[in-house]
Amino acid sequence: MTKDYVTIDATDRRIVHALQIDGRAPFSRIAAVLGLGERTVARRYQRLRSQLALRVVGISDARRLGHLDWFVRIRSTSEVVDSVGAALATREDTSWIASLAPGTELTCIVQAEHPGGDGPGTVFHQLGRTRNISSLTASCLLVPVAGVGGWAGRLGALTSEEEIELAPEADLLSDQGTRFVPTPEDRRLLRLLAEDARTSIAALAHLTASHESTVRRRVNEFVMSGLLLFEVEIDPRLYGRPVEAICWLDVEPARLAPVVEQLATHDEVAFAATTTGPSNVLVLLELTSAAALHDYLTVRLGALEGIRRVETALTCQRMKRAGPLLVRRRGA
């Protein structure tokens, strides 16, 4: 949890923006592009990292693994919501867990196999056996339409020239669209990168009992194949956005394409995707106030044709973001 006294300035924001472009970029490269000293970049990153205000995590693309991402809503009493949220947060296949005001509903994203592939031990099996859940729904996230590569609200600190200079080489592997079947060693490596995507090659090699050359090659292949994506975890409150809201939009199919195209330009939108279910677009918002949500609904969404219905909810407590909860390793 971010402590109240943590603050960031314009230089910190430039570094955060750079990390979102390339999560494993060396401090020396970031410093050269941003016109800063390497020690300055490293010191500022370590300050925020040590205060649990910043983390770069590696996310495995569900589609490359042959899986689907599901947005799950659970309604129950506040006690059950808290206990279920805490249990789900420990799982590797869950992310973005939050309770919604007034605390009797829980939402999260679950990465699971395609329907028919679910077996005992999956999240849905676990939740189906949980008592006192009054309702449970799951909508499949079809295609991300905004927020891929970072929330737009924190990506305005660099010039377009700096972004181009920092961008990693786009030499993607030819098998990018094929399903990736990880080995046990790959899974171990991906788990470590999920905890901290900036872990050095030497440390990754030590933790996986592998040669550094092997680890370097596999990490490069993960990135070039599109399997490994980077997400910068940083509290939106540090950007003056203390209010988080979720919107479910019911959009006319004929207007769906132009609506999602516009959503991708809104700096309030942290993430958006088309979905299955009674609503066909899910939107996560980061806002300066509850009044800003009113303005967004009436001005931003109000200007878009084809939206038939909007459902909104305010986040009460964020229990987990993109990366796994950090557990102290034995001997650490």
C-alpha atoms as a PDB file:
ATOM      1  CA  MET A   1       0.000   0.000   0.000  1.00  0.00           C
ATOM      2  CA  THR A   2       1.308   3.484  -0.882  1.00  0.00           C
ATOM      3  CA  LYS A   3       2.088   5.608   2.159  1.00  0.00           C
ATOM      4  CA  ASP A   4       0.411   9.014   2.298  1.00  0.00           C
ATOM      5  CA  TYR A   5       3.715  10.922   2.354  1.00  0.00           C
ATOM      6  CA  VAL A   6       4.977   9.493  -0.946  1.00  0.00           C
ATOM      7  CA  THR A   7       4.991  12.095  -3.723  1.00  0.00           C
ATOM      8  CA  ILE A   8       6.287  12.238  -7.277  1.00  0.00           C
ATOM      9  CA  ASP A   9       7.451  15.184  -9.356  1.00  0.00           C
ATOM     10  CA  ALA A  10       7.835  15.840 -13.078  1.00  0.00           C
ATOM     11  CA  THR A  11      11.143  13.941 -13.271  1.00  0.00           C
ATOM     12  CA  ASP A  12       9.625  10.900 -11.550  1.00  0.00           C
ATOM     13  CA  ARG A  13       6.763  10.972 -14.051  1.00  0.00           C
ATOM     14  CA  ARG A  14       9.214  10.974 -16.940  1.00  0.00           C
ATOM     15  CA  ILE A  15      10.954   7.925 -15.503  1.00  0.00           C
ATOM     16  CA  VAL A  16       7.630   6.122 -14.952  1.00  0.00           C
ATOM     17  CA  HIS A  17       6.626   6.878 -18.545  1.00  0.00           C
ATOM     18  CA  ALA A  18       9.954   5.502 -19.769  1.00  0.00           C
ATOM     19  CA  LEU A  19       9.486   2.295 -17.777  1.00  0.00           C
ATOM     20  CA  GLN A  20       6.050   1.767 -19.295  1.00  0.00           C
ATOM     21  CA  ILE A  21       7.595   1.938 -22.766  1.00  0.00           C
ATOM     22  CA  ASP A  22      10.287  -0.603 -21.890  1.00  0.00           C
ATOM     23  CA  GLY A  23       9.988  -2.198 -18.472  1.00  0.00           C
ATOM     24  CA  ARG A  24      13.484  -3.686 -18.576  1.00  0.00           C
ATOM     25  CA  ALA A  25      15.290  -0.702 -20.076  1.00  0.00           C
ATOM     26  CA  PRO A  26      18.647  -0.151 -18.308  1.00  0.00           C
ATOM     27  CA  PHE A  27      18.874   2.954 -16.149  1.00  0.00           C
ATOM     28  CA  SER A  28      21.763   4.113 -18.357  1.00  0.00           C
ATOM     29  CA  ARG A  29      19.545   4.082 -21.452  1.00  0.00           C
ATOM     30  CA  ILE A  30      16.683   5.873 -19.707  1.00  0.00           C
ATOM     31  CA  ALA A  31      19.108   8.462 -18.367  1.00  0.00           C
ATOM     32  CA  ALA A  32      20.642   9.095 -21.784  1.00  0.00           C
ATOM     33  CA  VAL A  33      17.294   9.638 -23.480  1.00  0.00           C
ATOM     34  CA  LEU A  34      15.840  11.774 -20.685  1.00  0.00           C
ATOM     35  CA  GLY A  35      18.998  13.862 -20.232  1.00  0.00           C
ATOM     36  CA  LEU A  36      19.469  12.776 -16.628  1.00  0.00           C
ATOM     37  CA  GLY A  37      22.285  11.195 -14.668  1.00  0.00           C
ATOM     38  CA  GLU A  38      22.185   7.410 -14.388  1.00  0.00           C
ATOM     39  CA  ARG A  39      22.482   7.647 -10.604  1.00  0.00           C
ATOM     40  CA  THR A  40      19.556  10.064 -10.517  1.00  0.00           C
ATOM     41  CA  VAL A  41      17.326   7.646 -12.418  1.00  0.00           C
ATOM     42  CA  ALA A  42      18.398   4.684 -10.285  1.00  0.00           C
ATOM     43  CA  ARG A  43      17.991   6.601  -7.024  1.00  0.00           C
ATOM     44  CA  ARG A  44      14.525   7.876  -7.877  1.00  0.00           C
ATOM     45  CA  TYR A  45      13.371   4.435  -8.998  1.00  0.00           C
ATOM     46  CA  GLN A  46      14.732   2.758  -5.868  1.00  0.00           C
ATOM     47  CA  ARG A  47      13.082   5.367  -3.629  1.00  0.00           C
ATOM     48  CA  LEU A  48       9.644   4.686  -5.063  1.00  0.00           C
ATOM     49  CA  ARG A  49      10.258   0.934  -5.246  1.00  0.00           C
ATOM     50  CA  SER A  50      11.359   0.719  -1.600  1.00  0.00           C
ATOM     51  CA  GLN A  51       8.279   2.661  -0.508  1.00  0.00           C
ATOM     52  CA  LEU A  52       6.037   0.199  -2.391  1.00  0.00           C
ATOM     53  CA  ALA A  53       4.828   3.046  -4.589  1.00  0.00           C
ATOM     54  CA  LEU A  54       6.200   1.648  -7.860  1.00  0.00           C
ATOM     55  CA  ARG A  55       6.714  -1.786  -9.390  1.00  0.00           C
ATOM     56  CA  VAL A  56       7.217  -3.029 -12.941  1.00  0.00           C
ATOM     57  CA  VAL A  57       5.525  -6.392 -13.435  1.00  0.00           C
ATOM     58  CA  GLY A  58       5.601  -8.886 -16.276  1.00  0.00           C
ATOM     59  CA  ILE A  59       2.180 -10.033 -17.496  1.00  0.00           C
ATOM     60  CA  SER A  60       1.675 -13.184 -19.551  1.00  0.00           C
ATOM     61  CA  ASP A  61      -0.698 -12.619 -22.467  1.00  0.00           C
ATOM     62  CA  ALA A  62      -3.649 -14.969 -21.932  1.00  0.00           C
ATOM     63  CA  ARG A  63      -4.207 -15.414 -25.663  1.00  0.00           C
ATOM     64  CA  ARG A  64      -0.650 -16.663 -26.231  1.00  0.00           C
ATOM     65  CA  LEU A  65      -1.217 -19.283 -23.512  1.00  0.00           C
ATOM     66  CA  GLY A  66      -4.499 -20.397 -25.055  1.00  0.00           C
ATOM     67  CA  HIS A  67      -6.424 -18.891 -22.139  1.00  0.00           C
ATOM     68  CA  LEU A  68      -9.135 -16.253 -21.755  1.00  0.00           C
ATOM     69  CA  ASP A  69      -9.410 -13.290 -19.392  1.00  0.00           C
ATOM     70  CA  TRP A  70     -12.695 -13.097 -17.460  1.00  0.00           C
ATOM     71  CA  PHE A  71     -14.108 -10.163 -15.533  1.00  0.00           C
ATOM     72  CA  VAL A  72     -15.814 -11.627 -12.471  1.00  0.00           C
ATOM     73  CA  ARG A  73     -18.429  -9.952 -10.243  1.00  0.00           C
ATOM     74  CA  ILE A  74     -19.318 -11.426  -6.865  1.00  0.00           C
ATOM     75  CA  ARG A  75     -22.080 -10.135  -4.602  1.00  0.00           C
ATOM     76  CA  SER A  76     -22.323 -11.068  -0.926  1.00  0.00           C
ATOM     77  CA  THR A  77     -21.958  -9.601   2.549  1.00  0.00           C
ATOM     78  CA  SER A  78     -18.953  -7.400   3.286  1.00  0.00           C
ATOM     79  CA  GLU A  79     -17.402 -10.142   5.446  1.00  0.00           C
ATOM     80  CA  VAL A  80     -17.587 -12.700   2.627  1.00  0.00           C
ATOM     81  CA  VAL A  81     -16.329 -10.165   0.086  1.00  0.00           C
ATOM     82  CA  ASP A  82     -13.276  -9.450   2.255  1.00  0.00           C
ATOM     83  CA  SER A  83     -12.457 -13.120   2.835  1.00  0.00           C
ATOM     84  CA  VAL A  84     -13.011 -14.145  -0.805  1.00  0.00           C
ATOM     85  CA  GLY A  85     -10.945 -11.182  -2.003  1.00  0.00           C
ATOM     86  CA  ALA A  86      -8.079 -12.118   0.309  1.00  0.00           C
ATOM     87  CA  ALA A  87      -8.178 -15.745  -0.898  1.00  0.00           C
ATOM     88  CA  LEU A  88      -8.319 -14.790  -4.580  1.00  0.00           C
ATOM     89  CA  ALA A  89      -5.418 -12.351  -4.172  1.00  0.00           C
ATOM     90  CA  THR A  90      -3.041 -15.213  -3.353  1.00  0.00           C
ATOM     91  CA  ARG A  91      -3.721 -16.992  -6.652  1.00  0.00           C
ATOM     92  CA  GLU A  92      -1.471 -16.593  -9.689  1.00  0.00           C
ATOM     93  CA  ASP A  93      -4.425 -16.530 -12.113  1.00  0.00           C
ATOM     94  CA  THR A  94      -6.132 -13.452 -10.630  1.00  0.00           C
ATOM     95  CA  SER A  95      -5.480  -9.723 -10.966  1.00  0.00           C
ATOM     96  CA  TRP A  96      -7.143  -6.330 -10.463  1.00  0.00           C
ATOM     97  CA  ILE A  97      -9.161  -7.387  -7.421  1.00  0.00           C
ATOM     98  CA  ALA A  98     -11.306  -4.681  -5.845  1.00  0.00           C
ATOM     99  CA  SER A  99     -14.344  -4.304  -3.648  1.00  0.00           C
ATOM    100  CA  LEU A 100     -17.015  -1.881  -4.797  1.00  0.00           C
ATOM    101  CA  ALA A 101     -18.811   0.628  -2.586  1.00  0.00           C
ATOM    102  CA  PRO A 102     -20.434  -0.018  -0.163  1.00  0.00           C
ATOM    103  CA  GLY A 103     -18.331  -3.174   0.169  1.00  0.00           C
ATOM    104  CA  THR A 104     -20.848  -5.889  -0.732  1.00  0.00           C
ATOM    105  CA  GLU A 105     -19.490  -6.605  -4.203  1.00  0.00           C
ATOM    106  CA  LEU A 106     -16.132  -7.845  -5.453  1.00  0.00           C
ATOM    107  CA  THR A 107     -14.648  -7.666  -8.945  1.00  0.00           C
ATOM    108  CA  CYS A 108     -11.533  -9.256 -10.366  1.00  0.00           C
ATOM    109  CA  ILE A 109      -9.946 -10.483 -13.582  1.00  0.00           C
ATOM    110  CA  VAL A 110      -9.328 -14.206 -13.858  1.00  0.00           C
ATOM    111  CA  GLN A 111      -7.128 -15.899 -16.454  1.00  0.00           C
ATOM    112  CA  ALA A 112      -8.536 -19.352 -17.193  1.00  0.00           C
ATOM    113  CA  GLU A 113      -8.767 -21.971 -19.897  1.00  0.00           C
ATOM    114  CA  HIS A 114     -11.421 -21.862 -22.593  1.00  0.00           C
ATOM    115  CA  PRO A 115     -14.874 -23.160 -21.592  1.00  0.00           C
ATOM    116  CA  GLY A 116     -14.765 -26.934 -21.399  1.00  0.00           C
ATOM    117  CA  GLY A 117     -11.149 -26.873 -20.275  1.00  0.00           C
ATOM    118  CA  ASP A 118     -11.885 -25.876 -16.684  1.00  0.00           C
ATOM    119  CA  GLY A 119     -11.065 -28.585 -14.221  1.00  0.00           C
ATOM    120  CA  PRO A 120     -11.029 -28.935 -10.436  1.00  0.00           C
ATOM    121  CA  GLY A 121      -8.900 -26.315  -8.771  1.00  0.00           C
ATOM    122  CA  THR A 122      -9.768 -23.406 -11.056  1.00  0.00           C
ATOM    123  CA  VAL A 123     -11.137 -20.138  -9.669  1.00  0.00           C
ATOM    124  CA  PHE A 124     -14.648 -20.854 -10.922  1.00  0.00           C
ATOM    125  CA  HIS A 125     -14.658 -24.264  -9.268  1.00  0.00           C
ATOM    126  CA  GLN A 126     -13.451 -22.698  -6.027  1.00  0.00           C
ATOM    127  CA  LEU A 127     -16.025 -19.911  -6.092  1.00  0.00           C
ATOM    128  CA  GLY A 128     -18.841 -22.318  -6.944  1.00  0.00           C
ATOM    129  CA  ARG A 129     -18.208 -24.087  -3.655  1.00  0.00           C
ATOM    130  CA  THR A 130     -18.050 -20.879  -1.581  1.00  0.00           C
ATOM    131  CA  ARG A 131     -20.981 -20.371   0.736  1.00  0.00           C
ATOM    132  CA  ASN A 132     -22.942 -17.148   1.155  1.00  0.00           C
ATOM    133  CA  ILE A 133     -22.246 -15.777  -2.339  1.00  0.00           C
ATOM    134  CA  SER A 134     -25.557 -14.324  -3.478  1.00  0.00           C
ATOM    135  CA  SER A 135     -24.572 -13.945  -7.157  1.00  0.00           C
ATOM    136  CA  LEU A 136     -21.620 -14.665  -9.405  1.00  0.00           C
ATOM    137  CA  THR A 137     -21.203 -13.526 -13.011  1.00  0.00           C
ATOM    138  CA  ALA A 138     -18.270 -13.784 -15.406  1.00  0.00           C
ATOM    139  CA  SER A 139     -17.887 -11.835 -18.658  1.00  0.00           C
ATOM    140  CA  CYS A 140     -15.163 -12.783 -21.113  1.00  0.00           C
ATOM    141  CA  LEU A 141     -12.835  -9.921 -22.045  1.00  0.00           C
ATOM    142  CA  LEU A 142     -12.780 -10.207 -25.824  1.00  0.00           C
ATOM    143  CA  VAL A 143     -10.396  -7.527 -27.122  1.00  0.00           C
ATOM    144  CA  PRO A 144      -8.613  -4.788 -25.142  1.00  0.00           C
ATOM    145  CA  VAL A 145      -9.391  -1.434 -26.758  1.00  0.00           C
ATOM    146  CA  ALA A 146      -7.693   1.047 -24.402  1.00  0.00           C
ATOM    147  CA  GLY A 147      -5.012   1.001 -21.743  1.00  0.00           C
ATOM    148  CA  VAL A 148      -2.822  -1.585 -23.455  1.00  0.00           C
ATOM    149  CA  GLY A 149       0.728  -0.428 -22.829  1.00  0.00           C
ATOM    150  CA  GLY A 150      -0.243   1.720 -19.867  1.00  0.00           C
ATOM    151  CA  TRP A 151      -2.847   4.157 -18.642  1.00  0.00           C
ATOM    152  CA  ALA A 152      -2.903   7.234 -20.874  1.00  0.00           C
ATOM    153  CA  GLY A 153      -3.107   9.504 -17.808  1.00  0.00           C
ATOM    154  CA  ARG A 154       0.497   8.709 -16.915  1.00  0.00           C
ATOM    155  CA  LEU A 155       1.899   8.623 -20.453  1.00  0.00           C
ATOM    156  CA  GLY A 156       2.108  12.328 -21.173  1.00  0.00           C
ATOM    157  CA  ALA A 157       5.491  13.064 -19.605  1.00  0.00           C
ATOM    158  CA  LEU A 158       7.717  12.351 -22.618  1.00  0.00           C
ATOM    159  CA  THR A 159       7.903  13.803 -26.094  1.00  0.00           C
ATOM    160  CA  SER A 160       7.114  11.622 -29.104  1.00  0.00           C
ATOM    161  CA  GLU A 161      10.818  11.703 -30.011  1.00  0.00           C
ATOM    162  CA  GLU A 162      11.781  10.386 -26.571  1.00  0.00           C
ATOM    163  CA  GLU A 163       9.138   7.656 -26.824  1.00  0.00           C
ATOM    164  CA  ILE A 164      10.511   6.506 -30.186  1.00  0.00           C
ATOM    165  CA  GLU A 165      14.080   6.501 -28.869  1.00  0.00           C
ATOM    166  CA  LEU A 166      13.115   4.435 -25.821  1.00  0.00           C
ATOM    167  CA  ALA A 167      10.918   1.939 -27.672  1.00  0.00           C
ATOM    168  CA  PRO A 168      12.482  -1.538 -27.860  1.00  0.00           C
ATOM    169  CA  GLU A 169      13.241  -3.032 -31.242  1.00  0.00           C
ATOM    170  CA  ALA A 170      10.070  -4.313 -32.919  1.00  0.00           C
ATOM    171  CA  ASP A 171      11.720  -7.486 -34.226  1.00  0.00           C
ATOM    172  CA  LEU A 172       8.869  -9.799 -33.309  1.00  0.00           C
ATOM    173  CA  LEU A 173       9.155 -13.520 -33.817  1.00  0.00           C
ATOM    174  CA  SER A 174       7.234 -15.018 -36.737  1.00  0.00           C
ATOM    175  CA  ASP A 175       5.297 -17.397 -34.451  1.00  0.00           C
ATOM    176  CA  GLN A 176       3.781 -14.526 -32.453  1.00  0.00           C
ATOM    177  CA  GLY A 177       0.215 -15.685 -33.072  1.00  0.00           C
ATOM    178  CA  THR A 178       0.735 -19.325 -32.144  1.00  0.00           C
ATOM    179  CA  ARG A 179      -0.050 -20.804 -28.758  1.00  0.00           C
ATOM    180  CA  PHE A 180       2.853 -20.827 -26.325  1.00  0.00           C
ATOM    181  CA  VAL A 181       3.243 -23.949 -24.187  1.00  0.00           C
ATOM    182  CA  PRO A 182       5.564 -23.068 -21.287  1.00  0.00           C
ATOM    183  CA  THR A 183       7.881 -25.602 -19.742  1.00  0.00           C
ATOM    184  CA  PRO A 184       8.128 -25.850 -15.920  1.00  0.00           C
ATOM    185  CA  GLU A 185      11.304 -23.741 -16.189  1.00  0.00           C
ATOM    186  CA  ASP A 186       9.441 -21.136 -18.261  1.00  0.00           C
ATOM    187  CA  ARG A 187       6.668 -20.972 -15.664  1.00  0.00           C
ATOM    188  CA  ARG A 188       9.167 -20.396 -12.876  1.00  0.00           C
ATOM    189  CA  LEU A 189      10.845 -17.631 -14.882  1.00  0.00           C
ATOM    190  CA  LEU A 190       7.517 -15.974 -15.741  1.00  0.00           C
ATOM    191  CA  ARG A 191       6.474 -16.048 -12.072  1.00  0.00           C
ATOM    192  CA  LEU A 192       9.658 -14.242 -11.085  1.00  0.00           C
ATOM    193  CA  LEU A 193       9.156 -11.628 -13.810  1.00  0.00           C
ATOM    194  CA  ALA A 194       5.572 -11.167 -12.645  1.00  0.00           C
ATOM    195  CA  GLU A 195       6.842 -10.256  -9.189  1.00  0.00           C
ATOM    196  CA  ASP A 196       9.449  -7.837 -10.520  1.00  0.00           C
ATOM    197  CA  ALA A 197      10.049  -7.494 -14.248  1.00  0.00           C
ATOM    198  CA  ARG A 198      13.305  -5.620 -13.603  1.00  0.00           C
ATOM    199  CA  THR A 199      14.980  -8.502 -11.824  1.00  0.00           C
ATOM    200  CA  SER A 200      18.470  -8.821 -13.300  1.00  0.00           C
ATOM    201  CA  ILE A 201      19.443 -11.694 -15.567  1.00  0.00           C
ATOM    202  CA  ALA A 202      22.020 -12.794 -13.001  1.00  0.00           C
ATOM    203  CA  ALA A 203      19.390 -12.932 -10.235  1.00  0.00           C
ATOM    204  CA  LEU A 204      16.912 -14.751 -12.474  1.00  0.00           C
ATOM    205  CA  ALA A 205      19.581 -17.301 -13.385  1.00  0.00           C
ATOM    206  CA  HIS A 206      20.400 -17.861  -9.717  1.00  0.00           C
ATOM    207  CA  LEU A 207      16.750 -18.240  -8.690  1.00  0.00           C
ATOM    208  CA  THR A 208      16.005 -20.669 -11.523  1.00  0.00           C
ATOM    209  CA  ALA A 209      19.346 -22.547 -11.321  1.00  0.00           C
ATOM    210  CA  SER A 210      19.957 -21.809 -15.011  1.00  0.00           C
ATOM    211  CA  HIS A 211      22.777 -20.339 -17.082  1.00  0.00           C
ATOM    212  CA  GLU A 212      22.599 -16.592 -17.641  1.00  0.00           C
ATOM    213  CA  SER A 213      22.787 -17.038 -21.413  1.00  0.00           C
ATOM    214  CA  THR A 214      19.738 -19.344 -21.297  1.00  0.00           C
ATOM    215  CA  VAL A 215      17.737 -16.928 -19.163  1.00  0.00           C
ATOM    216  CA  ARG A 216      18.644 -13.949 -21.349  1.00  0.00           C
ATOM    217  CA  ARG A 217      17.577 -15.830 -24.484  1.00  0.00           C
ATOM    218  CA  ARG A 218      14.273 -16.980 -22.965  1.00  0.00           C
ATOM    219  CA  VAL A 219      13.348 -13.513 -21.663  1.00  0.00           C
ATOM    220  CA  ASN A 220      14.071 -12.026 -25.088  1.00  0.00           C
ATOM    221  CA  GLU A 221      11.923 -14.712 -26.713  1.00  0.00           C
ATOM    222  CA  PHE A 222       9.069 -14.043 -24.259  1.00  0.00           C
ATOM    223  CA  VAL A 223       9.101 -10.358 -25.190  1.00  0.00           C
ATOM    224  CA  MET A 224       9.554 -10.772 -28.948  1.00  0.00           C
ATOM    225  CA  SER A 225       6.823 -13.412 -29.169  1.00  0.00           C
ATOM    226  CA  GLY A 226       4.337 -11.100 -27.463  1.00  0.00           C
ATOM    227  CA  LEU A 227       3.936 -13.447 -24.513  1.00  0.00           C
ATOM    228  CA  LEU A 228       5.499 -11.109 -21.932  1.00  0.00           C
ATOM    229  CA  LEU A 229       4.016  -7.642 -21.534  1.00  0.00           C
ATOM    230  CA  PHE A 230       5.073  -4.990 -19.029  1.00  0.00           C
ATOM    231  CA  GLU A 231       2.828  -3.018 -16.692  1.00  0.00           C
ATOM    232  CA  VAL A 232       3.925  -0.265 -14.323  1.00  0.00           C
ATOM    233  CA  GLU A 233       2.072  -0.502 -11.031  1.00  0.00           C
ATOM    234  CA  ILE A 234       1.815   2.916  -9.415  1.00  0.00           C
ATOM    235  CA  ASP A 235      -0.960   4.321  -7.277  1.00  0.00           C
ATOM    236  CA  PRO A 236      -3.157   6.700  -9.352  1.00  0.00           C
ATOM    237  CA  ARG A 237      -3.413   8.935  -6.284  1.00  0.00           C
ATOM    238  CA  LEU A 238       0.163  10.013  -6.982  1.00  0.00           C
ATOM    239  CA  TYR A 239      -1.198  11.500 -10.207  1.00  0.00           C
ATOM    240  CA  GLY A 240      -4.039  13.286  -8.410  1.00  0.00           C
ATOM    241  CA  ARG A 241      -6.571  10.563  -9.292  1.00  0.00           C
ATOM    242  CA  PRO A 242      -7.918   9.221  -5.956  1.00  0.00           C
ATOM    243  CA  VAL A 243     -11.245   7.985  -7.368  1.00  0.00           C
ATOM    244  CA  GLU A 244     -11.504   4.753  -9.339  1.00  0.00           C
ATOM    245  CA  ALA A 245     -14.713   3.789 -11.102  1.00  0.00           C
ATOM    246  CA  ILE A 246     -15.952   0.963 -13.305  1.00  0.00           C
ATOM    247  CA  CYS A 247     -18.375   1.498 -16.184  1.00  0.00           C
ATOM    248  CA  TRP A 248     -20.304  -1.133 -18.088  1.00  0.00           C
ATOM    249  CA  LEU A 249     -21.510   0.192 -21.446  1.00  0.00           C
ATOM    250  CA  ASP A 250     -24.240  -1.257 -23.623  1.00  0.00           C
ATOM    251  CA  VAL A 251     -23.335   0.005 -27.104  1.00  0.00           C
ATOM    252  CA  GLU A 252     -25.199  -0.526 -30.354  1.00  0.00           C
ATOM    253  CA  PRO A 253     -23.182  -2.993 -32.445  1.00  0.00           C
ATOM    254  CA  ALA A 254     -23.121  -0.633 -35.411  1.00  0.00           C
ATOM    255  CA  ARG A 255     -21.537   2.090 -33.226  1.00  0.00           C
ATOM    256  CA  LEU A 256     -19.173  -0.148 -31.270  1.00  0.00           C
ATOM    257  CA  ALA A 257     -16.065   0.545 -33.370  1.00  0.00           C
ATOM    258  CA  PRO A 258     -16.265   4.377 -33.218  1.00  0.00           C
ATOM    259  CA  VAL A 259     -17.134   4.317 -29.505  1.00  0.00           C
ATOM    260  CA  VAL A 260     -14.122   2.211 -28.501  1.00  0.00           C
ATOM    261  CA  GLU A 261     -11.927   4.289 -30.800  1.00  0.00           C
ATOM    262  CA  GLN A 262     -12.907   7.374 -28.823  1.00  0.00           C
ATOM    263  CA  LEU A 263     -12.461   5.631 -25.461  1.00  0.00           C
ATOM    264  CA  ALA A 264      -8.831   5.005 -26.373  1.00  0.00           C
ATOM    265  CA  THR A 265      -8.270   8.790 -26.517  1.00  0.00           C
ATOM    266  CA  HIS A 266      -9.692   9.520 -23.031  1.00  0.00           C
ATOM    267  CA  ASP A 267      -6.999  10.053 -20.397  1.00  0.00           C
ATOM    268  CA  GLU A 268      -9.519   9.041 -17.696  1.00  0.00           C
ATOM    269  CA  VAL A 269      -9.640   5.510 -19.146  1.00  0.00           C
ATOM    270  CA  ALA A 270      -7.111   3.216 -17.482  1.00  0.00           C
ATOM    271  CA  PHE A 271      -8.366   0.160 -19.362  1.00  0.00           C
ATOM    272  CA  ALA A 272     -11.244  -0.801 -21.630  1.00  0.00           C
ATOM    273  CA  ALA A 273     -12.235  -3.988 -23.446  1.00  0.00           C
ATOM    274  CA  THR A 274     -15.142  -5.422 -25.363  1.00  0.00           C
ATOM    275  CA  THR A 275     -16.886  -8.177 -23.406  1.00  0.00           C
ATOM    276  CA  THR A 276     -19.567 -10.809 -23.426  1.00  0.00           C
ATOM    277  CA  GLY A 277     -22.679 -10.378 -21.297  1.00  0.00           C
ATOM    278  CA  PRO A 278     -25.483  -7.798 -21.044  1.00  0.00           C
ATOM    279  CA  SER A 279     -22.932  -4.989 -21.513  1.00  0.00           C
ATOM    280  CA  ASN A 280     -20.462  -5.183 -24.359  1.00  0.00           C
ATOM    281  CA  VAL A 281     -17.777  -2.734 -23.165  1.00  0.00           C
ATOM    282  CA  LEU A 282     -16.008  -2.637 -19.799  1.00  0.00           C
ATOM    283  CA  VAL A 283     -14.220   0.588 -18.809  1.00  0.00           C
ATOM    284  CA  LEU A 284     -11.970   1.234 -15.791  1.00  0.00           C
ATOM    285  CA  LEU A 285     -11.627   4.917 -14.942  1.00  0.00           C
ATOM    286  CA  GLU A 286      -9.139   6.932 -12.857  1.00  0.00           C
ATOM    287  CA  LEU A 287     -10.632  10.252 -11.757  1.00  0.00           C
ATOM    288  CA  THR A 288      -9.850  13.328  -9.683  1.00  0.00           C
ATOM    289  CA  SER A 289     -13.183  13.252  -7.810  1.00  0.00           C
ATOM    290  CA  ALA A 290     -16.706  11.866  -7.791  1.00  0.00           C
ATOM    291  CA  ALA A 291     -17.782  15.080  -9.508  1.00  0.00           C
ATOM    292  CA  ALA A 292     -15.316  14.267 -12.281  1.00  0.00           C
ATOM    293  CA  LEU A 293     -17.213  11.017 -12.847  1.00  0.00           C
ATOM    294  CA  HIS A 294     -20.378  13.080 -13.368  1.00  0.00           C
ATOM    295  CA  ASP A 295     -18.539  15.220 -15.920  1.00  0.00           C
ATOM    296  CA  TYR A 296     -17.162  12.169 -17.670  1.00  0.00           C
ATOM    297  CA  LEU A 297     -20.584  10.549 -17.972  1.00  0.00           C
ATOM    298  CA  THR A 298     -22.363  13.671 -19.130  1.00  0.00           C
ATOM    299  CA  VAL A 299     -19.701  15.224 -21.340  1.00  0.00           C
ATOM    300  CA  ARG A 300     -17.320  12.525 -22.573  1.00  0.00           C
ATOM    301  CA  LEU A 301     -19.717   9.592 -22.838  1.00  0.00           C
ATOM    302  CA  GLY A 302     -22.687  11.840 -23.505  1.00  0.00           C
ATOM    303  CA  ALA A 303     -21.062  12.977 -26.735  1.00  0.00           C
ATOM    304  CA  LEU A 304     -20.739   9.439 -28.084  1.00  0.00           C
ATOM    305  CA  GLU A 305     -23.558   8.116 -30.225  1.00  0.00           C
ATOM    306  CA  GLY A 306     -24.814   4.583 -29.794  1.00  0.00           C
ATOM    307  CA  ILE A 307     -24.459   4.113 -26.030  1.00  0.00           C
ATOM    308  CA  ARG A 308     -27.824   2.741 -24.897  1.00  0.00           C
ATOM    309  CA  ARG A 309     -27.119   2.169 -21.213  1.00  0.00           C
ATOM    310  CA  VAL A 310     -24.370   2.852 -18.658  1.00  0.00           C
ATOM    311  CA  GLU A 311     -23.869   1.148 -15.305  1.00  0.00           C
ATOM    312  CA  THR A 312     -21.290   2.620 -12.915  1.00  0.00           C
ATOM    313  CA  ALA A 313     -19.707   1.687  -9.591  1.00  0.00           C
ATOM    314  CA  LEU A 314     -17.001   3.223  -7.419  1.00  0.00           C
ATOM    315  CA  THR A 315     -14.115   1.137  -6.178  1.00  0.00           C
ATOM    316  CA  CYS A 316     -13.995   0.877  -2.413  1.00  0.00           C
ATOM    317  CA  GLN A 317     -10.684  -0.944  -1.878  1.00  0.00           C
ATOM    318  CA  ARG A 318      -8.089  -2.192  -4.346  1.00  0.00           C
ATOM    319  CA  MET A 319      -6.765  -5.514  -2.998  1.00  0.00           C
ATOM    320  CA  LYS A 320      -4.548  -6.483  -5.922  1.00  0.00           C
ATOM    321  CA  ARG A 321      -3.347  -4.879  -9.120  1.00  0.00           C
ATOM    322  CA  ALA A 322      -1.658  -6.456 -12.130  1.00  0.00           C
ATOM    323  CA  GLY A 323       1.135  -8.305 -10.373  1.00  0.00           C
ATOM    324  CA  PRO A 324       1.112 -10.992  -7.683  1.00  0.00           C
ATOM    325  CA  LEU A 325       1.192 -10.205  -3.987  1.00  0.00           C
ATOM    326  CA  LEU A 326       4.768 -10.147  -2.799  1.00  0.00           C
ATOM    327  CA  VAL A 327       5.705 -12.984  -0.464  1.00  0.00           C
ATOM    328  CA  ARG A 328       9.032 -12.961   1.272  1.00  0.00           C
ATOM    329  CA  ARG A 329      11.121 -15.855  -0.028  1.00  0.00           C
ATOM    330  CA  ARG A 330      12.727 -18.276   2.415  1.00  0.00           C
ATOM    331  CA  GLY A 331      16.190 -17.108   3.242  1.00  0.00           C
ATOM    332  CA  ALA A 332      15.576 -13.624   1.810  1.00  0.00           C
END
